């Protein structure tokens, strides 16, 4: 969050024929955010949006690449809710007092997930993108080298109405031989999933090109918990073996039978754990498929009713209050079950 006494800054650093610009400014004002939401056709935008922040790498011939919040938001899906969780409805309702209230119920990606990879400058004149098998040399980046310039710029952040965090930031470091940029979109939906989209840009002095790589990683909280428990079991097994070796070498007579038995039991536990993980995954997939089938059939039924009304020219009375309550309960129940399956 913006700290008290924050001052805008604009830093430039020259690296050969390249100039790195890092601009950091205040959060956008509410009226500007509402105007931008209209332009992007989105019911809502991140709570902390730094619309004037930018990190730019530009050649003296005016081509290059920059990273900014507005272009990142243009890559957000504004037509479909990609994460179906019960808290999505609560999150939307919390913003119902905005002037976009009539649009709030329209589906859109309320997590603000974006696969933004930067905005090319001078693309039509002097810069082009081609596929390559060459990859960024991570070993070179590990080498100890003086960092002549470093800066990190936050583009936007949202706490998803206290149900997690969605944020994107970009940072750069310049060394004597090269510069390396990392833009990271990070999403955590509490109890549901973690998602990371990374864009990396690397330039080595003397080359006439930059390398840009994009990667995406995602896992459910359930899966991550299984992975952690597997790692814990691996650690316990290694530690027991080490204790057995050390104990045997020191005393010459360690309780070999006890340790061997523990290791055998641990091996059995690991096998059962792996089987359980597989079974849980299969059950989750099956239940998820069932819930999607229910949603699709409900949608088809509603479309059929709508079509019948239009073709028969019948006026159907509005739902009574009790019927509206039942409809809302059904929808919230399906959303809640879907959230439980994912978590």
C-alpha atoms as a PDB file:
ATOM      1  CA  UNK A   1       0.000   0.000   0.000  1.00  0.00           C
ATOM      2  CA  UNK A   2       1.048   3.618  -0.517  1.00  0.00           C
ATOM      3  CA  UNK A   3       3.075   4.844   2.431  1.00  0.00           C
ATOM      4  CA  UNK A   4       2.565   8.233   4.074  1.00  0.00           C
ATOM      5  CA  UNK A   5       4.902  10.807   2.603  1.00  0.00           C
ATOM      6  CA  UNK A   6       5.339   8.985  -0.707  1.00  0.00           C
ATOM      7  CA  UNK A   7       6.926  11.098  -3.421  1.00  0.00           C
ATOM      8  CA  UNK A   8       6.737  10.419  -7.122  1.00  0.00           C
ATOM      9  CA  UNK A   9      10.031   9.505  -8.757  1.00  0.00           C
ATOM     10  CA  UNK A  10      11.399   9.169 -12.258  1.00  0.00           C
ATOM     11  CA  UNK A  11      14.793   7.530 -12.660  1.00  0.00           C
ATOM     12  CA  UNK A  12      16.860   7.090 -15.814  1.00  0.00           C
ATOM     13  CA  UNK A  13      19.913   4.903 -16.291  1.00  0.00           C
ATOM     14  CA  UNK A  14      21.987   4.589 -19.466  1.00  0.00           C
ATOM     15  CA  UNK A  15      23.476   1.254 -20.502  1.00  0.00           C
ATOM     16  CA  UNK A  16      25.346   1.624 -23.779  1.00  0.00           C
ATOM     17  CA  UNK A  17      22.761   2.509 -26.431  1.00  0.00           C
ATOM     18  CA  UNK A  18      19.885   1.713 -24.055  1.00  0.00           C
ATOM     19  CA  UNK A  19      18.105   3.911 -21.547  1.00  0.00           C
ATOM     20  CA  UNK A  20      16.178   2.400 -18.645  1.00  0.00           C
ATOM     21  CA  UNK A  21      13.357   4.543 -17.241  1.00  0.00           C
ATOM     22  CA  UNK A  22      11.520   3.711 -14.013  1.00  0.00           C
ATOM     23  CA  UNK A  23       8.604   5.995 -13.147  1.00  0.00           C
ATOM     24  CA  UNK A  24       6.682   5.575  -9.867  1.00  0.00           C
ATOM     25  CA  UNK A  25       3.636   7.703  -9.091  1.00  0.00           C
ATOM     26  CA  UNK A  26       0.560   7.836  -6.859  1.00  0.00           C
ATOM     27  CA  UNK A  27      -2.468   5.552  -7.059  1.00  0.00           C
ATOM     28  CA  UNK A  28      -4.983   6.630  -9.699  1.00  0.00           C
ATOM     29  CA  UNK A  29      -7.899   8.743  -8.463  1.00  0.00           C
ATOM     30  CA  UNK A  30     -11.377   7.217  -8.272  1.00  0.00           C
ATOM     31  CA  UNK A  31     -12.794   9.255 -11.139  1.00  0.00           C
ATOM     32  CA  UNK A  32      -9.891   8.222 -13.392  1.00  0.00           C
ATOM     33  CA  UNK A  33     -10.361   4.574 -12.440  1.00  0.00           C
ATOM     34  CA  UNK A  34     -14.083   4.738 -13.272  1.00  0.00           C
ATOM     35  CA  UNK A  35     -13.322   6.325 -16.641  1.00  0.00           C
ATOM     36  CA  UNK A  36     -10.710   3.654 -17.394  1.00  0.00           C
ATOM     37  CA  UNK A  37     -13.135   0.890 -16.364  1.00  0.00           C
ATOM     38  CA  UNK A  38     -15.586   2.209 -18.970  1.00  0.00           C
ATOM     39  CA  UNK A  39     -12.869   2.251 -21.632  1.00  0.00           C
ATOM     40  CA  UNK A  40     -11.807  -1.311 -20.824  1.00  0.00           C
ATOM     41  CA  UNK A  41     -15.440  -2.487 -20.517  1.00  0.00           C
ATOM     42  CA  UNK A  42     -14.808  -3.932 -17.072  1.00  0.00           C
ATOM     43  CA  UNK A  43     -17.194  -3.662 -14.082  1.00  0.00           C
ATOM     44  CA  UNK A  44     -14.320  -2.959 -11.702  1.00  0.00           C
ATOM     45  CA  UNK A  45     -10.564  -2.436 -11.580  1.00  0.00           C
ATOM     46  CA  UNK A  46      -7.910  -3.232  -8.941  1.00  0.00           C
ATOM     47  CA  UNK A  47      -8.163  -1.250  -5.710  1.00  0.00           C
ATOM     48  CA  UNK A  48      -4.571  -0.039  -5.987  1.00  0.00           C
ATOM     49  CA  UNK A  49      -3.943   0.894  -9.605  1.00  0.00           C
ATOM     50  CA  UNK A  50      -0.790   2.792 -10.543  1.00  0.00           C
ATOM     51  CA  UNK A  51      -1.785   3.968 -14.002  1.00  0.00           C
ATOM     52  CA  UNK A  52       1.209   6.283 -14.456  1.00  0.00           C
ATOM     53  CA  UNK A  53       3.838   3.796 -13.322  1.00  0.00           C
ATOM     54  CA  UNK A  54       6.065   2.451 -16.058  1.00  0.00           C
ATOM     55  CA  UNK A  55       9.335   0.609 -16.558  1.00  0.00           C
ATOM     56  CA  UNK A  56      10.755   1.266 -20.016  1.00  0.00           C
ATOM     57  CA  UNK A  57      13.825   0.014 -21.903  1.00  0.00           C
ATOM     58  CA  UNK A  58      14.442   2.136 -24.982  1.00  0.00           C
ATOM     59  CA  UNK A  59      17.216   2.243 -27.573  1.00  0.00           C
ATOM     60  CA  UNK A  60      18.665   5.526 -28.842  1.00  0.00           C
ATOM     61  CA  UNK A  61      16.869   4.719 -32.139  1.00  0.00           C
ATOM     62  CA  UNK A  62      13.568   4.871 -30.176  1.00  0.00           C
ATOM     63  CA  UNK A  63      12.582   1.189 -30.257  1.00  0.00           C
ATOM     64  CA  UNK A  64      12.305  -0.954 -27.150  1.00  0.00           C
ATOM     65  CA  UNK A  65       9.816  -2.385 -24.684  1.00  0.00           C
ATOM     66  CA  UNK A  66       7.878  -1.001 -21.716  1.00  0.00           C
ATOM     67  CA  UNK A  67       5.627  -2.360 -18.961  1.00  0.00           C
ATOM     68  CA  UNK A  68       2.606  -0.420 -17.697  1.00  0.00           C
ATOM     69  CA  UNK A  69      -0.586  -1.175 -15.773  1.00  0.00           C
ATOM     70  CA  UNK A  70      -3.170  -0.130 -18.352  1.00  0.00           C
ATOM     71  CA  UNK A  71      -1.811  -2.368 -21.093  1.00  0.00           C
ATOM     72  CA  UNK A  72      -1.588  -5.199 -18.536  1.00  0.00           C
ATOM     73  CA  UNK A  73      -5.302  -4.777 -17.715  1.00  0.00           C
ATOM     74  CA  UNK A  74      -6.181  -4.895 -21.415  1.00  0.00           C
ATOM     75  CA  UNK A  75      -5.134  -8.562 -21.324  1.00  0.00           C
ATOM     76  CA  UNK A  76      -7.623  -9.413 -18.537  1.00  0.00           C
ATOM     77  CA  UNK A  77     -10.645 -11.444 -19.619  1.00  0.00           C
ATOM     78  CA  UNK A  78     -13.555  -8.991 -19.329  1.00  0.00           C
ATOM     79  CA  UNK A  79     -16.217 -11.466 -20.464  1.00  0.00           C
ATOM     80  CA  UNK A  80     -15.724 -14.595 -18.363  1.00  0.00           C
ATOM     81  CA  UNK A  81     -15.237 -15.465 -14.685  1.00  0.00           C
ATOM     82  CA  UNK A  82     -12.266 -17.850 -14.833  1.00  0.00           C
ATOM     83  CA  UNK A  83     -12.201 -18.709 -11.120  1.00  0.00           C
ATOM     84  CA  UNK A  84     -15.547 -20.017  -9.868  1.00  0.00           C
ATOM     85  CA  UNK A  85     -15.575 -19.599  -6.108  1.00  0.00           C
ATOM     86  CA  UNK A  86     -18.277 -18.638  -3.645  1.00  0.00           C
ATOM     87  CA  UNK A  87     -16.472 -15.475  -2.596  1.00  0.00           C
ATOM     88  CA  UNK A  88     -16.631 -14.077  -6.151  1.00  0.00           C
ATOM     89  CA  UNK A  89     -20.242 -13.002  -5.644  1.00  0.00           C
ATOM     90  CA  UNK A  90     -19.415 -11.431  -2.274  1.00  0.00           C
ATOM     91  CA  UNK A  91     -16.486  -9.580  -3.835  1.00  0.00           C
ATOM     92  CA  UNK A  92     -18.679  -8.167  -6.592  1.00  0.00           C
ATOM     93  CA  UNK A  93     -21.423  -7.144  -4.172  1.00  0.00           C
ATOM     94  CA  UNK A  94     -18.861  -5.201  -2.117  1.00  0.00           C
ATOM     95  CA  UNK A  95     -18.441  -2.873  -5.098  1.00  0.00           C
ATOM     96  CA  UNK A  96     -22.163  -2.514  -5.808  1.00  0.00           C
ATOM     97  CA  UNK A  97     -22.209   1.161  -4.775  1.00  0.00           C
ATOM     98  CA  UNK A  98     -20.062   2.239  -7.720  1.00  0.00           C
ATOM     99  CA  UNK A  99     -21.640   3.766 -10.804  1.00  0.00           C
ATOM    100  CA  UNK A 100     -21.026   0.422 -12.539  1.00  0.00           C
ATOM    101  CA  UNK A 101     -23.432  -1.347 -10.165  1.00  0.00           C
ATOM    102  CA  UNK A 102     -25.771  -2.288 -12.985  1.00  0.00           C
ATOM    103  CA  UNK A 103     -22.927  -4.175 -14.666  1.00  0.00           C
ATOM    104  CA  UNK A 104     -21.494  -5.892 -11.601  1.00  0.00           C
ATOM    105  CA  UNK A 105     -23.279  -9.180 -12.170  1.00  0.00           C
ATOM    106  CA  UNK A 106     -21.782  -9.475 -15.660  1.00  0.00           C
ATOM    107  CA  UNK A 107     -19.084 -12.171 -15.544  1.00  0.00           C
ATOM    108  CA  UNK A 108     -15.468 -11.089 -15.819  1.00  0.00           C
ATOM    109  CA  UNK A 109     -12.159 -12.294 -14.415  1.00  0.00           C
ATOM    110  CA  UNK A 110     -12.374 -10.779 -10.933  1.00  0.00           C
ATOM    111  CA  UNK A 111      -8.821 -12.051 -10.179  1.00  0.00           C
ATOM    112  CA  UNK A 112      -7.394  -9.716 -12.870  1.00  0.00           C
ATOM    113  CA  UNK A 113      -5.229 -12.518 -14.277  1.00  0.00           C
ATOM    114  CA  UNK A 114      -3.149 -11.221 -17.183  1.00  0.00           C
ATOM    115  CA  UNK A 115      -0.603 -12.797 -19.526  1.00  0.00           C
ATOM    116  CA  UNK A 116       0.782  -9.362 -20.424  1.00  0.00           C
ATOM    117  CA  UNK A 117       4.317  -9.610 -21.809  1.00  0.00           C
ATOM    118  CA  UNK A 118       5.147  -5.946 -22.298  1.00  0.00           C
ATOM    119  CA  UNK A 119       4.386  -3.284 -24.883  1.00  0.00           C
ATOM    120  CA  UNK A 120       6.740  -3.037 -27.860  1.00  0.00           C
ATOM    121  CA  UNK A 121       7.941   0.408 -28.902  1.00  0.00           C
ATOM    122  CA  UNK A 122       8.760   1.185 -32.529  1.00  0.00           C
ATOM    123  CA  UNK A 123       7.455  -2.209 -33.579  1.00  0.00           C
ATOM    124  CA  UNK A 124       6.406  -1.009 -37.035  1.00  0.00           C
ATOM    125  CA  UNK A 125       9.853   0.440 -37.780  1.00  0.00           C
ATOM    126  CA  UNK A 126      12.859  -1.202 -36.213  1.00  0.00           C
ATOM    127  CA  UNK A 127      11.854  -4.057 -33.908  1.00  0.00           C
ATOM    128  CA  UNK A 128      10.327  -7.433 -34.667  1.00  0.00           C
ATOM    129  CA  UNK A 129       9.503 -10.581 -32.698  1.00  0.00           C
ATOM    130  CA  UNK A 130      10.665 -14.019 -33.868  1.00  0.00           C
ATOM    131  CA  UNK A 131      10.584 -17.445 -32.265  1.00  0.00           C
ATOM    132  CA  UNK A 132      13.902 -18.934 -31.155  1.00  0.00           C
ATOM    133  CA  UNK A 133      15.246 -22.025 -29.455  1.00  0.00           C
ATOM    134  CA  UNK A 134      17.762 -19.908 -27.534  1.00  0.00           C
ATOM    135  CA  UNK A 135      16.984 -19.527 -23.855  1.00  0.00           C
ATOM    136  CA  UNK A 136      18.093 -17.134 -21.146  1.00  0.00           C
ATOM    137  CA  UNK A 137      21.286 -18.461 -19.565  1.00  0.00           C
ATOM    138  CA  UNK A 138      20.363 -18.766 -15.897  1.00  0.00           C
ATOM    139  CA  UNK A 139      23.923 -19.753 -14.974  1.00  0.00           C
ATOM    140  CA  UNK A 140      25.197 -16.384 -16.238  1.00  0.00           C
ATOM    141  CA  UNK A 141      22.646 -14.630 -14.076  1.00  0.00           C
ATOM    142  CA  UNK A 142      23.879 -16.575 -11.045  1.00  0.00           C
ATOM    143  CA  UNK A 143      27.397 -15.231 -11.480  1.00  0.00           C
ATOM    144  CA  UNK A 144      28.429 -12.590  -8.942  1.00  0.00           C
ATOM    145  CA  UNK A 145      28.468  -9.296 -10.786  1.00  0.00           C
ATOM    146  CA  UNK A 146      28.217  -5.695  -9.654  1.00  0.00           C
ATOM    147  CA  UNK A 147      24.667  -4.348  -9.914  1.00  0.00           C
ATOM    148  CA  UNK A 148      24.908  -0.840 -11.309  1.00  0.00           C
ATOM    149  CA  UNK A 149      21.175  -0.123 -11.256  1.00  0.00           C
ATOM    150  CA  UNK A 150      18.132  -1.783  -9.686  1.00  0.00           C
ATOM    151  CA  UNK A 151      14.494  -0.724  -9.494  1.00  0.00           C
ATOM    152  CA  UNK A 152      11.094  -2.327  -8.882  1.00  0.00           C
ATOM    153  CA  UNK A 153       7.780  -0.839 -10.052  1.00  0.00           C
ATOM    154  CA  UNK A 154       4.340  -1.935  -8.852  1.00  0.00           C
ATOM    155  CA  UNK A 155       1.633  -1.779 -11.525  1.00  0.00           C
ATOM    156  CA  UNK A 156      -1.473  -2.858  -9.617  1.00  0.00           C
ATOM    157  CA  UNK A 157      -2.590  -4.771  -6.520  1.00  0.00           C
ATOM    158  CA  UNK A 158      -5.940  -5.965  -5.195  1.00  0.00           C
ATOM    159  CA  UNK A 159      -6.779  -7.939  -2.035  1.00  0.00           C
ATOM    160  CA  UNK A 160      -9.840  -9.584  -3.641  1.00  0.00           C
ATOM    161  CA  UNK A 161     -12.071  -8.389  -0.808  1.00  0.00           C
ATOM    162  CA  UNK A 162      -9.852 -10.121   1.785  1.00  0.00           C
ATOM    163  CA  UNK A 163      -9.974 -13.414  -0.100  1.00  0.00           C
ATOM    164  CA  UNK A 164      -6.379 -13.342  -1.327  1.00  0.00           C
ATOM    165  CA  UNK A 165      -4.161 -11.076  -3.406  1.00  0.00           C
ATOM    166  CA  UNK A 166      -3.681 -10.241  -7.072  1.00  0.00           C
ATOM    167  CA  UNK A 167      -0.706  -8.128  -8.060  1.00  0.00           C
ATOM    168  CA  UNK A 168       1.724  -7.445 -10.871  1.00  0.00           C
ATOM    169  CA  UNK A 169       5.113  -5.789 -10.579  1.00  0.00           C
ATOM    170  CA  UNK A 170       8.233  -5.464 -12.690  1.00  0.00           C
ATOM    171  CA  UNK A 171      11.853  -5.125 -11.638  1.00  0.00           C
ATOM    172  CA  UNK A 172      15.146  -4.736 -13.444  1.00  0.00           C
ATOM    173  CA  UNK A 173      18.824  -5.036 -12.609  1.00  0.00           C
ATOM    174  CA  UNK A 174      21.636  -3.734 -14.789  1.00  0.00           C
ATOM    175  CA  UNK A 175      25.106  -5.288 -14.621  1.00  0.00           C
ATOM    176  CA  UNK A 176      28.295  -4.355 -16.530  1.00  0.00           C
ATOM    177  CA  UNK A 177      27.698  -7.138 -19.071  1.00  0.00           C
ATOM    178  CA  UNK A 178      23.902  -7.286 -19.343  1.00  0.00           C
ATOM    179  CA  UNK A 179      20.504  -6.352 -17.964  1.00  0.00           C
ATOM    180  CA  UNK A 180      17.720  -8.621 -16.763  1.00  0.00           C
ATOM    181  CA  UNK A 181      14.042  -7.764 -16.271  1.00  0.00           C
ATOM    182  CA  UNK A 182      11.369  -9.805 -14.511  1.00  0.00           C
ATOM    183  CA  UNK A 183       7.676  -8.988 -14.583  1.00  0.00           C
ATOM    184  CA  UNK A 184       5.580 -11.186 -12.288  1.00  0.00           C
ATOM    185  CA  UNK A 185       1.829 -11.511 -11.960  1.00  0.00           C
ATOM    186  CA  UNK A 186       1.041 -13.257  -8.670  1.00  0.00           C
ATOM    187  CA  UNK A 187      -2.393 -14.525  -7.648  1.00  0.00           C
ATOM    188  CA  UNK A 188      -3.463 -16.222  -4.447  1.00  0.00           C
ATOM    189  CA  UNK A 189      -7.115 -17.076  -3.906  1.00  0.00           C
ATOM    190  CA  UNK A 190      -7.318 -18.262  -0.294  1.00  0.00           C
ATOM    191  CA  UNK A 191      -8.081 -21.959  -0.049  1.00  0.00           C
ATOM    192  CA  UNK A 192      -8.333 -22.336  -3.828  1.00  0.00           C
ATOM    193  CA  UNK A 193      -5.209 -21.751  -5.922  1.00  0.00           C
ATOM    194  CA  UNK A 194      -1.914 -19.970  -6.530  1.00  0.00           C
ATOM    195  CA  UNK A 195      -1.012 -18.714 -10.019  1.00  0.00           C
ATOM    196  CA  UNK A 196       2.191 -17.067 -11.292  1.00  0.00           C
ATOM    197  CA  UNK A 197       2.773 -15.583 -14.764  1.00  0.00           C
ATOM    198  CA  UNK A 198       6.362 -14.495 -15.417  1.00  0.00           C
ATOM    199  CA  UNK A 199       7.845 -12.474 -18.268  1.00  0.00           C
ATOM    200  CA  UNK A 200      11.643 -12.314 -18.442  1.00  0.00           C
ATOM    201  CA  UNK A 201      13.701 -10.048 -20.694  1.00  0.00           C
ATOM    202  CA  UNK A 202      17.471 -10.439 -21.025  1.00  0.00           C
ATOM    203  CA  UNK A 203      19.991  -8.456 -23.029  1.00  0.00           C
ATOM    204  CA  UNK A 204      23.719  -9.174 -23.242  1.00  0.00           C
ATOM    205  CA  UNK A 205      26.077  -6.358 -24.192  1.00  0.00           C
ATOM    206  CA  UNK A 206      27.195  -6.585 -27.819  1.00  0.00           C
ATOM    207  CA  UNK A 207      24.169  -8.537 -29.051  1.00  0.00           C
ATOM    208  CA  UNK A 208      21.663  -7.085 -31.539  1.00  0.00           C
ATOM    209  CA  UNK A 209      18.664  -8.740 -29.896  1.00  0.00           C
ATOM    210  CA  UNK A 210      16.954  -9.303 -26.556  1.00  0.00           C
ATOM    211  CA  UNK A 211      15.523 -12.579 -25.299  1.00  0.00           C
ATOM    212  CA  UNK A 212      11.990 -12.583 -23.926  1.00  0.00           C
ATOM    213  CA  UNK A 213      10.494 -15.608 -22.183  1.00  0.00           C
ATOM    214  CA  UNK A 214       7.018 -16.153 -20.740  1.00  0.00           C
ATOM    215  CA  UNK A 215       6.003 -18.859 -18.289  1.00  0.00           C
ATOM    216  CA  UNK A 216       2.849 -19.647 -16.333  1.00  0.00           C
ATOM    217  CA  UNK A 217       2.490 -21.828 -13.258  1.00  0.00           C
ATOM    218  CA  UNK A 218      -0.634 -22.724 -11.352  1.00  0.00           C
ATOM    219  CA  UNK A 219      -1.576 -25.192  -8.651  1.00  0.00           C
ATOM    220  CA  UNK A 220      -4.449 -25.754  -6.275  1.00  0.00           C
ATOM    221  CA  UNK A 221      -3.935 -25.314  -2.553  1.00  0.00           C
ATOM    222  CA  UNK A 222      -4.901 -28.978  -2.088  1.00  0.00           C
ATOM    223  CA  UNK A 223      -2.169 -30.107  -4.472  1.00  0.00           C
ATOM    224  CA  UNK A 224       0.401 -27.840  -2.825  1.00  0.00           C
ATOM    225  CA  UNK A 225      -0.475 -29.312   0.573  1.00  0.00           C
ATOM    226  CA  UNK A 226       0.122 -32.805  -0.821  1.00  0.00           C
ATOM    227  CA  UNK A 227       3.453 -31.707  -2.272  1.00  0.00           C
ATOM    228  CA  UNK A 228       4.497 -30.249   1.077  1.00  0.00           C
ATOM    229  CA  UNK A 229       3.542 -33.415   2.955  1.00  0.00           C
ATOM    230  CA  UNK A 230       5.525 -35.491   0.435  1.00  0.00           C
ATOM    231  CA  UNK A 231       8.544 -33.256   0.985  1.00  0.00           C
ATOM    232  CA  UNK A 232       8.130 -33.651   4.756  1.00  0.00           C
ATOM    233  CA  UNK A 233       8.077 -37.436   4.416  1.00  0.00           C
ATOM    234  CA  UNK A 234      11.211 -37.351   2.250  1.00  0.00           C
ATOM    235  CA  UNK A 235      12.956 -35.196   4.866  1.00  0.00           C
ATOM    236  CA  UNK A 236      11.973 -37.540   7.733  1.00  0.00           C
ATOM    237  CA  UNK A 237      13.269 -40.544   5.798  1.00  0.00           C
ATOM    238  CA  UNK A 238      16.623 -38.899   5.044  1.00  0.00           C
ATOM    239  CA  UNK A 239      16.978 -37.719   8.635  1.00  0.00           C
ATOM    240  CA  UNK A 240      16.286 -41.179  10.057  1.00  0.00           C
ATOM    241  CA  UNK A 241      18.865 -42.723   7.747  1.00  0.00           C
ATOM    242  CA  UNK A 242      21.414 -40.071   8.738  1.00  0.00           C
ATOM    243  CA  UNK A 243      20.712 -40.583  12.452  1.00  0.00           C
ATOM    244  CA  UNK A 244      21.082 -44.335  11.978  1.00  0.00           C
ATOM    245  CA  UNK A 245      24.454 -43.952  10.251  1.00  0.00           C
ATOM    246  CA  UNK A 246      25.760 -41.450  12.804  1.00  0.00           C
ATOM    247  CA  UNK A 247      24.501 -43.496  15.750  1.00  0.00           C
ATOM    248  CA  UNK A 248      25.964 -46.704  14.426  1.00  0.00           C
ATOM    249  CA  UNK A 249      29.363 -45.119  13.830  1.00  0.00           C
ATOM    250  CA  UNK A 250      29.489 -43.580  17.318  1.00  0.00           C
ATOM    251  CA  UNK A 251      28.283 -46.462  19.464  1.00  0.00           C
ATOM    252  CA  UNK A 252      28.876 -49.386  17.192  1.00  0.00           C
ATOM    253  CA  UNK A 253      25.547 -50.856  18.311  1.00  0.00           C
ATOM    254  CA  UNK A 254      22.536 -48.802  17.317  1.00  0.00           C
ATOM    255  CA  UNK A 255      18.968 -50.006  17.557  1.00  0.00           C
ATOM    256  CA  UNK A 256      19.089 -51.246  13.995  1.00  0.00           C
ATOM    257  CA  UNK A 257      15.866 -53.213  14.168  1.00  0.00           C
ATOM    258  CA  UNK A 258      13.862 -50.217  15.410  1.00  0.00           C
ATOM    259  CA  UNK A 259      15.201 -47.861  12.729  1.00  0.00           C
ATOM    260  CA  UNK A 260      14.695 -50.433   9.988  1.00  0.00           C
ATOM    261  CA  UNK A 261      11.123 -50.956  11.123  1.00  0.00           C
ATOM    262  CA  UNK A 262      10.458 -47.209  11.179  1.00  0.00           C
ATOM    263  CA  UNK A 263      11.852 -46.834   7.670  1.00  0.00           C
ATOM    264  CA  UNK A 264       9.671 -49.681   6.407  1.00  0.00           C
ATOM    265  CA  UNK A 265       6.597 -48.116   8.004  1.00  0.00           C
ATOM    266  CA  UNK A 266       7.526 -44.769   6.508  1.00  0.00           C
ATOM    267  CA  UNK A 267       7.798 -46.343   3.065  1.00  0.00           C
ATOM    268  CA  UNK A 268       4.320 -47.803   3.502  1.00  0.00           C
ATOM    269  CA  UNK A 269       2.952 -44.411   4.597  1.00  0.00           C
ATOM    270  CA  UNK A 270       4.459 -42.752   1.531  1.00  0.00           C
ATOM    271  CA  UNK A 271       2.837 -45.332  -0.760  1.00  0.00           C
ATOM    272  CA  UNK A 272      -0.571 -44.852   0.886  1.00  0.00           C
ATOM    273  CA  UNK A 273      -0.137 -41.078   0.719  1.00  0.00           C
ATOM    274  CA  UNK A 274       0.596 -41.256  -3.022  1.00  0.00           C
ATOM    275  CA  UNK A 275      -2.470 -43.462  -3.606  1.00  0.00           C
ATOM    276  CA  UNK A 276      -4.675 -41.116  -1.581  1.00  0.00           C
ATOM    277  CA  UNK A 277      -3.451 -38.130  -3.559  1.00  0.00           C
ATOM    278  CA  UNK A 278      -4.330 -39.887  -6.817  1.00  0.00           C
ATOM    279  CA  UNK A 279      -7.785 -40.859  -5.566  1.00  0.00           C
ATOM    280  CA  UNK A 280      -8.557 -37.350  -4.309  1.00  0.00           C
ATOM    281  CA  UNK A 281      -7.530 -35.930  -7.680  1.00  0.00           C
ATOM    282  CA  UNK A 282      -9.824 -38.341  -9.533  1.00  0.00           C
ATOM    283  CA  UNK A 283     -12.768 -37.598  -7.230  1.00  0.00           C
ATOM    284  CA  UNK A 284     -12.228 -33.840  -7.553  1.00  0.00           C
ATOM    285  CA  UNK A 285     -12.157 -34.049 -11.359  1.00  0.00           C
ATOM    286  CA  UNK A 286     -15.332 -36.144 -11.428  1.00  0.00           C
ATOM    287  CA  UNK A 287     -17.216 -33.840  -9.067  1.00  0.00           C
ATOM    288  CA  UNK A 288     -16.020 -30.779 -10.938  1.00  0.00           C
ATOM    289  CA  UNK A 289     -17.342 -32.292 -14.170  1.00  0.00           C
ATOM    290  CA  UNK A 290     -20.698 -32.985 -12.531  1.00  0.00           C
ATOM    291  CA  UNK A 291     -21.022 -29.409 -11.288  1.00  0.00           C
ATOM    292  CA  UNK A 292     -20.170 -28.008 -14.717  1.00  0.00           C
ATOM    293  CA  UNK A 293     -22.793 -30.311 -16.250  1.00  0.00           C
ATOM    294  CA  UNK A 294     -25.398 -28.986 -13.796  1.00  0.00           C
ATOM    295  CA  UNK A 295     -24.470 -25.407 -14.639  1.00  0.00           C
ATOM    296  CA  UNK A 296     -24.674 -26.066 -18.388  1.00  0.00           C
ATOM    297  CA  UNK A 297     -28.052 -27.787 -18.124  1.00  0.00           C
ATOM    298  CA  UNK A 298     -29.445 -24.988 -15.983  1.00  0.00           C
ATOM    299  CA  UNK A 299     -28.246 -22.490 -18.567  1.00  0.00           C
ATOM    300  CA  UNK A 300     -29.819 -24.517 -21.392  1.00  0.00           C
ATOM    301  CA  UNK A 301     -33.108 -24.715 -19.496  1.00  0.00           C
ATOM    302  CA  UNK A 302     -33.159 -20.960 -18.944  1.00  0.00           C
ATOM    303  CA  UNK A 303     -32.460 -20.312 -22.629  1.00  0.00           C
ATOM    304  CA  UNK A 304     -35.241 -22.713 -23.601  1.00  0.00           C
ATOM    305  CA  UNK A 305     -37.715 -20.949 -21.297  1.00  0.00           C
ATOM    306  CA  UNK A 306     -36.673 -17.592 -22.729  1.00  0.00           C
ATOM    307  CA  UNK A 307     -37.146 -18.889 -26.280  1.00  0.00           C
ATOM    308  CA  UNK A 308     -40.597 -20.255 -25.454  1.00  0.00           C
ATOM    309  CA  UNK A 309     -41.622 -16.905 -24.009  1.00  0.00           C
ATOM    310  CA  UNK A 310     -40.497 -15.068 -27.118  1.00  0.00           C
ATOM    311  CA  UNK A 311     -42.116 -17.437 -29.634  1.00  0.00           C
ATOM    312  CA  UNK A 312     -45.420 -17.826 -27.777  1.00  0.00           C
ATOM    313  CA  UNK A 313     -45.678 -14.131 -26.868  1.00  0.00           C
ATOM    314  CA  UNK A 314     -46.593 -15.033 -23.324  1.00  0.00           C
ATOM    315  CA  UNK A 315     -45.885 -12.678 -20.478  1.00  0.00           C
ATOM    316  CA  UNK A 316     -44.472 -14.557 -17.502  1.00  0.00           C
ATOM    317  CA  UNK A 317     -44.958 -13.025 -14.108  1.00  0.00           C
ATOM    318  CA  UNK A 318     -41.863 -12.059 -12.159  1.00  0.00           C
ATOM    319  CA  UNK A 319     -40.655 -14.507  -9.528  1.00  0.00           C
ATOM    320  CA  UNK A 320     -42.186 -14.124  -6.122  1.00  0.00           C
ATOM    321  CA  UNK A 321     -39.889 -13.129  -3.278  1.00  0.00           C
ATOM    322  CA  UNK A 322     -39.724 -16.697  -1.991  1.00  0.00           C
ATOM    323  CA  UNK A 323     -38.947 -17.988  -5.512  1.00  0.00           C
ATOM    324  CA  UNK A 324     -36.198 -15.424  -5.947  1.00  0.00           C
ATOM    325  CA  UNK A 325     -34.735 -16.536  -2.638  1.00  0.00           C
ATOM    326  CA  UNK A 326     -34.774 -20.159  -3.789  1.00  0.00           C
ATOM    327  CA  UNK A 327     -33.032 -19.246  -7.050  1.00  0.00           C
ATOM    328  CA  UNK A 328     -30.327 -17.308  -5.213  1.00  0.00           C
ATOM    329  CA  UNK A 329     -29.876 -20.164  -2.755  1.00  0.00           C
ATOM    330  CA  UNK A 330     -29.431 -22.665  -5.605  1.00  0.00           C
ATOM    331  CA  UNK A 331     -26.827 -20.485  -7.318  1.00  0.00           C
ATOM    332  CA  UNK A 332     -24.895 -19.810  -4.095  1.00  0.00           C
ATOM    333  CA  UNK A 333     -25.004 -23.513  -3.192  1.00  0.00           C
ATOM    334  CA  UNK A 334     -23.498 -24.502  -6.534  1.00  0.00           C
ATOM    335  CA  UNK A 335     -20.794 -21.828  -6.164  1.00  0.00           C
ATOM    336  CA  UNK A 336     -20.029 -22.971  -2.605  1.00  0.00           C
ATOM    337  CA  UNK A 337     -19.747 -26.620  -3.630  1.00  0.00           C
ATOM    338  CA  UNK A 338     -17.480 -25.673  -6.528  1.00  0.00           C
ATOM    339  CA  UNK A 339     -15.260 -23.699  -4.147  1.00  0.00           C
ATOM    340  CA  UNK A 340     -15.043 -26.638  -1.731  1.00  0.00           C
ATOM    341  CA  UNK A 341     -14.094 -28.988  -4.545  1.00  0.00           C
ATOM    342  CA  UNK A 342     -11.285 -26.682  -5.636  1.00  0.00           C
ATOM    343  CA  UNK A 343     -10.003 -26.079  -2.110  1.00  0.00           C
END
